[in-house]
Amino acid sequence: MTLHHSEETHRQLVERIPESTGKDMNEWFAALEAGPSLSRFDERVNWLRAEYDLSHGQATAIVHEYDKVRAARKLT
């Protein structure tokens, strides 16, 4: 699934996640890793929304950032 917003908007969303949710990105990454084994992007977004009452934008930004970090780890 592709993002429906620019990378600049994504970066701004990610920067606001800790303040708006009370958890930093590492905590959200840990929640994704501890959660159910969902492989599809939209499944993970929907799970975060349902489990933690996040907005679609927040959940999308968290999952997208998580995927970016995981992909970067695989490259190193």
C-alpha atoms as a PDB file:
ATOM      1  CA  MET A   1       0.000   0.000   0.000  1.00  0.00           C
ATOM      2  CA  THR A   2       1.345   3.408  -0.865  1.00  0.00           C
ATOM      3  CA  LEU A   3       1.053   6.506   1.216  1.00  0.00           C
ATOM      4  CA  HIS A   4      -1.588   9.007   0.228  1.00  0.00           C
ATOM      5  CA  HIS A   5       0.540  11.885   1.416  1.00  0.00           C
ATOM      6  CA  SER A   6       4.019  13.218   0.770  1.00  0.00           C
ATOM      7  CA  GLU A   7       7.137  12.155   2.629  1.00  0.00           C
ATOM      8  CA  GLU A   8       7.201  15.639   4.171  1.00  0.00           C
ATOM      9  CA  THR A   9       3.709  15.143   5.583  1.00  0.00           C
ATOM     10  CA  HIS A  10       4.755  11.689   6.798  1.00  0.00           C
ATOM     11  CA  ARG A  11       7.769  13.162   8.591  1.00  0.00           C
ATOM     12  CA  GLN A  12       5.571  15.769  10.268  1.00  0.00           C
ATOM     13  CA  LEU A  13       3.107  13.083  11.396  1.00  0.00           C
ATOM     14  CA  VAL A  14       5.947  10.984  12.830  1.00  0.00           C
ATOM     15  CA  GLU A  15       7.324  13.987  14.717  1.00  0.00           C
ATOM     16  CA  ARG A  16       3.907  14.552  16.355  1.00  0.00           C
ATOM     17  CA  ILE A  17       3.282  10.898  17.311  1.00  0.00           C
ATOM     18  CA  PRO A  18       4.948  11.023  20.774  1.00  0.00           C
ATOM     19  CA  GLU A  19       3.080  14.144  21.838  1.00  0.00           C
ATOM     20  CA  SER A  20      -0.289  13.120  20.419  1.00  0.00           C
ATOM     21  CA  THR A  21      -0.205   9.481  21.571  1.00  0.00           C
ATOM     22  CA  GLY A  22       1.953   9.536  24.696  1.00  0.00           C
ATOM     23  CA  LYS A  23       4.307   6.900  23.251  1.00  0.00           C
ATOM     24  CA  ASP A  24       7.502   7.341  21.284  1.00  0.00           C
ATOM     25  CA  MET A  25       8.131   5.519  18.013  1.00  0.00           C
ATOM     26  CA  ASN A  26      10.210   2.789  19.662  1.00  0.00           C
ATOM     27  CA  GLU A  27       7.249   1.968  21.903  1.00  0.00           C
ATOM     28  CA  TRP A  28       4.973   1.767  18.863  1.00  0.00           C
ATOM     29  CA  PHE A  29       7.502  -0.448  17.063  1.00  0.00           C
ATOM     30  CA  ALA A  30       7.558  -2.754  20.093  1.00  0.00           C
ATOM     31  CA  ALA A  31       3.745  -2.864  20.078  1.00  0.00           C
ATOM     32  CA  LEU A  32       3.763  -3.877  16.409  1.00  0.00           C
ATOM     33  CA  GLU A  33       6.341  -6.587  17.070  1.00  0.00           C
ATOM     34  CA  ALA A  34       4.421  -7.913  20.084  1.00  0.00           C
ATOM     35  CA  GLY A  35       1.059  -7.755  18.315  1.00  0.00           C
ATOM     36  CA  PRO A  36      -0.474 -10.290  15.990  1.00  0.00           C
ATOM     37  CA  SER A  37       1.500 -11.548  13.001  1.00  0.00           C
ATOM     38  CA  LEU A  38      -0.100  -9.453  10.308  1.00  0.00           C
ATOM     39  CA  SER A  39       1.829  -9.097   7.073  1.00  0.00           C
ATOM     40  CA  ARG A  40      -0.313  -6.665   5.101  1.00  0.00           C
ATOM     41  CA  PHE A  41       0.142  -2.939   5.649  1.00  0.00           C
ATOM     42  CA  ASP A  42      -3.565  -2.201   5.945  1.00  0.00           C
ATOM     43  CA  GLU A  43      -4.085  -5.062   8.422  1.00  0.00           C
ATOM     44  CA  ARG A  44      -1.419  -3.631  10.712  1.00  0.00           C
ATOM     45  CA  VAL A  45      -2.904  -0.122  10.380  1.00  0.00           C
ATOM     46  CA  ASN A  46      -6.378  -1.409  11.211  1.00  0.00           C
ATOM     47  CA  TRP A  47      -5.064  -3.412  14.171  1.00  0.00           C
ATOM     48  CA  LEU A  48      -3.303  -0.351  15.633  1.00  0.00           C
ATOM     49  CA  ARG A  49      -6.436   1.732  15.156  1.00  0.00           C
ATOM     50  CA  ALA A  50      -8.651  -0.813  16.880  1.00  0.00           C
ATOM     51  CA  GLU A  51      -6.246  -1.802  19.650  1.00  0.00           C
ATOM     52  CA  TYR A  52      -5.018   1.677  20.588  1.00  0.00           C
ATOM     53  CA  ASP A  53      -7.793   3.971  19.311  1.00  0.00           C
ATOM     54  CA  LEU A  54      -5.443   5.799  16.934  1.00  0.00           C
ATOM     55  CA  SER A  55      -6.490   7.900  13.985  1.00  0.00           C
ATOM     56  CA  HIS A  56      -5.935   6.485  10.523  1.00  0.00           C
ATOM     57  CA  GLY A  57      -3.150   9.025   9.909  1.00  0.00           C
ATOM     58  CA  GLN A  58      -1.332   8.139  13.128  1.00  0.00           C
ATOM     59  CA  ALA A  59      -1.554   4.394  12.521  1.00  0.00           C
ATOM     60  CA  THR A  60      -0.473   4.747   8.895  1.00  0.00           C
ATOM     61  CA  ALA A  61       2.517   6.889   9.870  1.00  0.00           C
ATOM     62  CA  ILE A  62       3.604   4.389  12.541  1.00  0.00           C
ATOM     63  CA  VAL A  63       3.366   1.364  10.241  1.00  0.00           C
ATOM     64  CA  HIS A  64       5.084   3.164   7.353  1.00  0.00           C
ATOM     65  CA  GLU A  65       7.927   4.331   9.600  1.00  0.00           C
ATOM     66  CA  TYR A  66       8.251   0.845  11.092  1.00  0.00           C
ATOM     67  CA  ASP A  67       8.547  -0.637   7.595  1.00  0.00           C
ATOM     68  CA  LYS A  68      11.159   1.950   6.619  1.00  0.00           C
ATOM     69  CA  VAL A  69      13.267   1.202   9.712  1.00  0.00           C
ATOM     70  CA  ARG A  70      12.995  -2.573   9.193  1.00  0.00           C
ATOM     71  CA  ALA A  71      14.016  -2.245   5.537  1.00  0.00           C
ATOM     72  CA  ALA A  72      17.020  -0.110   6.497  1.00  0.00           C
ATOM     73  CA  ARG A  73      18.103  -2.738   9.080  1.00  0.00           C
ATOM     74  CA  LYS A  74      18.012  -5.448   6.407  1.00  0.00           C
ATOM     75  CA  LEU A  75      20.319  -3.421   4.196  1.00  0.00           C
ATOM     76  CA  THR A  76      23.047  -3.111   6.799  1.00  0.00           C
END
